[in-house]
Protein backbone atom coordinates (compact mmCIF):
# COMPACT_ATOMS: atom_id res chain seq x y z
CA MET A 1 -19.08 14.30 7.30
CA ASP A 2 -17.08 14.28 10.44
CA GLU A 3 -15.38 17.79 11.99
CA ARG A 4 -11.95 16.29 13.10
CA ASN A 5 -8.70 18.05 13.82
CA SER A 6 -6.14 18.49 11.01
CA GLU A 7 -3.02 17.19 13.09
CA THR A 8 -4.92 14.20 14.19
CA VAL A 9 -5.77 13.01 10.57
CA ARG A 10 -2.54 13.61 9.83
CA THR A 11 -0.73 11.52 12.65
CA GLU A 12 -3.90 8.53 11.71
CA VAL A 13 -2.52 8.91 8.44
CA LYS A 14 1.13 8.38 8.70
CA ASP A 15 0.09 5.62 11.03
CA ALA A 16 -1.60 3.57 7.86
CA SER A 17 1.47 4.49 5.56
CA SER A 18 3.00 3.09 8.20
CA ARG A 19 1.21 -0.07 8.79
CA ILE A 20 0.77 -0.38 4.57
CA LEU A 21 5.25 -0.30 5.26
CA ASP A 22 5.09 -2.77 7.93
CA ILE A 23 2.99 -5.38 5.55
CA MET A 24 5.52 -4.91 2.26
CA ALA A 25 8.07 -5.82 4.77
CA LEU A 26 11.06 -4.58 2.81
CA LYS A 27 14.50 -3.28 3.71
CA GLY A 28 15.13 -0.32 1.15
CA LYS A 29 15.16 3.34 1.38
CA VAL A 30 11.92 5.43 1.94
CA THR A 31 10.97 8.49 0.66
CA GLU A 32 10.94 11.40 4.16
CA THR A 33 7.87 13.33 2.93
CA GLY A 34 5.23 14.33 5.84
CA ALA A 35 1.57 14.53 5.42
CA MET A 36 -0.16 17.49 4.27
CA THR A 37 -2.98 18.85 4.62
CA GLU A 38 -5.14 19.86 0.94
CA ARG A 39 -8.57 21.35 0.13
CA CYS A 40 -10.74 18.75 -0.43
CA SER A 41 -11.77 19.31 -4.40
CA ASP A 42 -15.23 17.77 -4.08
CA TYR A 43 -16.61 21.40 -1.90
CA ALA A 44 -16.38 24.84 -2.74
CA ALA A 45 -13.36 26.87 -2.05
CA GLU A 46 -15.27 28.45 1.21
CA GLU A 47 -15.84 25.94 2.87
CA LYS A 48 -12.99 24.12 5.71
CA VAL A 49 -13.60 20.97 4.35
CA TYR A 50 -9.82 19.08 4.02
CA ARG A 51 -7.75 15.24 3.41
CA ALA A 52 -4.65 14.52 5.35
CA SER A 53 -2.40 12.76 1.82
CA HIS A 54 0.87 10.95 2.84
CA PRO A 55 2.67 10.25 -0.75
CA TRP A 56 5.48 8.30 -0.09
CA SER A 57 7.78 5.40 -1.92
CA VAL A 58 10.13 2.43 -1.44
CA TYR A 59 13.54 2.33 -3.46
CA ASP A 60 17.18 0.72 -3.82
CA LEU A 61 15.15 -2.84 -4.37
CA PRO A 62 15.31 -5.62 -7.12
CA VAL A 63 12.36 -5.31 -9.18
CA SER A 64 11.71 -8.89 -7.61
CA ASP A 65 11.55 -7.73 -4.10
CA LEU A 66 8.88 -5.26 -4.72
CA GLU A 67 6.90 -7.19 -6.97
CA LYS A 68 6.40 -9.65 -4.04
CA ALA A 69 6.01 -6.70 -1.66
CA MET A 70 2.89 -6.04 -4.21
CA ASP A 71 1.87 -10.26 -3.72
CA ARG A 72 2.10 -9.42 0.33
CA LEU A 73 -0.18 -6.20 -0.09
CA ARG A 74 -2.88 -8.15 -2.04
CA SER A 75 -2.86 -11.25 0.52
CA GLU A 76 -2.77 -8.85 3.45
CA LEU A 77 -4.55 -5.62 3.14
CA PRO A 78 -7.94 -7.52 3.83
CA LYS A 79 -6.65 -9.47 6.69
CA ALA A 80 -5.66 -5.28 8.05
CA GLY A 81 -9.37 -4.42 7.18
CA TRP A 82 -8.66 -2.99 3.74
CA THR A 83 -11.23 -3.89 1.03
CA ILE A 84 -8.78 -3.77 -2.33
CA ILE A 85 -10.94 -2.44 -4.85
CA LYS A 86 -8.63 -1.91 -7.81
CA ASP A 87 -5.85 -4.48 -8.39
CA GLY A 88 -4.79 -4.28 -12.15
CA VAL A 89 -2.42 -1.76 -13.87
CA ASP A 90 -3.02 1.55 -14.43
CA ASP A 91 -3.53 4.17 -17.40
CA THR A 92 0.36 5.67 -17.87
CA ALA A 93 1.88 4.47 -21.13
CA GLY A 94 4.21 1.41 -18.41
CA LYS A 95 0.92 0.00 -17.21
CA SER A 96 2.66 -0.30 -13.95
CA PRO A 97 1.06 -2.52 -11.71
CA GLN A 98 -1.64 -0.39 -9.22
CA ILE A 99 -3.01 -1.99 -5.82
CA VAL A 100 -6.24 0.47 -5.10
CA ALA A 101 -8.03 0.12 -1.89
CA GLU A 102 -10.17 1.60 0.81
CA THR A 103 -10.36 0.99 4.60
CA LYS A 104 -13.67 -0.50 6.17
CA GLY A 105 -15.60 2.77 6.77
CA LYS A 106 -13.91 4.63 3.88
CA LYS A 107 -11.85 6.55 6.64
CA PHE A 108 -8.46 6.49 4.97
CA ALA A 109 -7.99 4.84 0.77
CA VAL A 110 -4.70 4.10 -0.65
CA ASP A 111 -3.07 4.31 -4.04
CA ILE A 112 0.19 1.81 -4.34
CA ARG A 113 2.19 1.49 -7.42
CA LEU A 114 4.59 0.21 -8.92
CA GLN A 115 7.25 1.50 -10.72
CA ASP A 116 9.91 -1.23 -13.08
CA GLU A 117 12.51 -0.01 -14.26
CA ARG A 118 12.77 -2.39 -17.30
CA LYS A 119 10.36 -0.20 -18.50
CA TYR A 120 10.90 3.66 -17.84
CA GLY A 121 14.57 3.53 -18.10
CA ASP A 122 17.11 5.19 -16.41
CA ASP A 123 14.62 6.00 -13.36
CA PRO A 124 14.95 3.46 -10.62
CA SER A 125 12.51 1.12 -9.63
CA LEU A 126 10.68 1.54 -6.72
CA ILE A 127 6.62 1.63 -5.17
CA GLU A 128 5.18 4.79 -5.04
CA VAL A 129 2.16 4.93 -2.23
CA THR A 130 0.22 7.83 -1.46
CA VAL A 131 -2.84 7.63 1.71
CA GLN A 132 -5.42 9.90 1.82
CA SER A 133 -8.19 10.13 4.60
CA ALA A 134 -11.60 11.15 3.59
CA CYS A 135 -12.94 14.51 3.29
CA TYR A 136 -13.57 16.19 6.83
CA ARG A 137 -14.44 19.38 8.04
CA ALA A 138 -12.08 21.33 10.21
CA LYS A 139 -12.33 22.63 13.46
């Protein structure tokens, strides 16, 4: 397991998120969340093993635009060094479209879900993205 600086890893996760947003090519609103550091649950609490996570969403767009963005992700993520390991629906009642991918070398993983307002009533349609780093030992 790599020994890394947490700030560096958070910056890398934010950069990966930005590249994913670029692939989507959407002009909607984007939530203003920052990357955070959290303990890796696979390790004992006394160990200094963490991962960086960056959850965000893009919204305020028609569902058809969001669906096109998901299609772009399907075709462009592999060209950008990501391997798609799941492309289907999630396990929620709404069976939201979901793409799960990881970078070659498994340095980063991403979970992308399209939430369709036609299935969820009053909630707006959006694409929900969570980028996570691999676990690392803090310096």
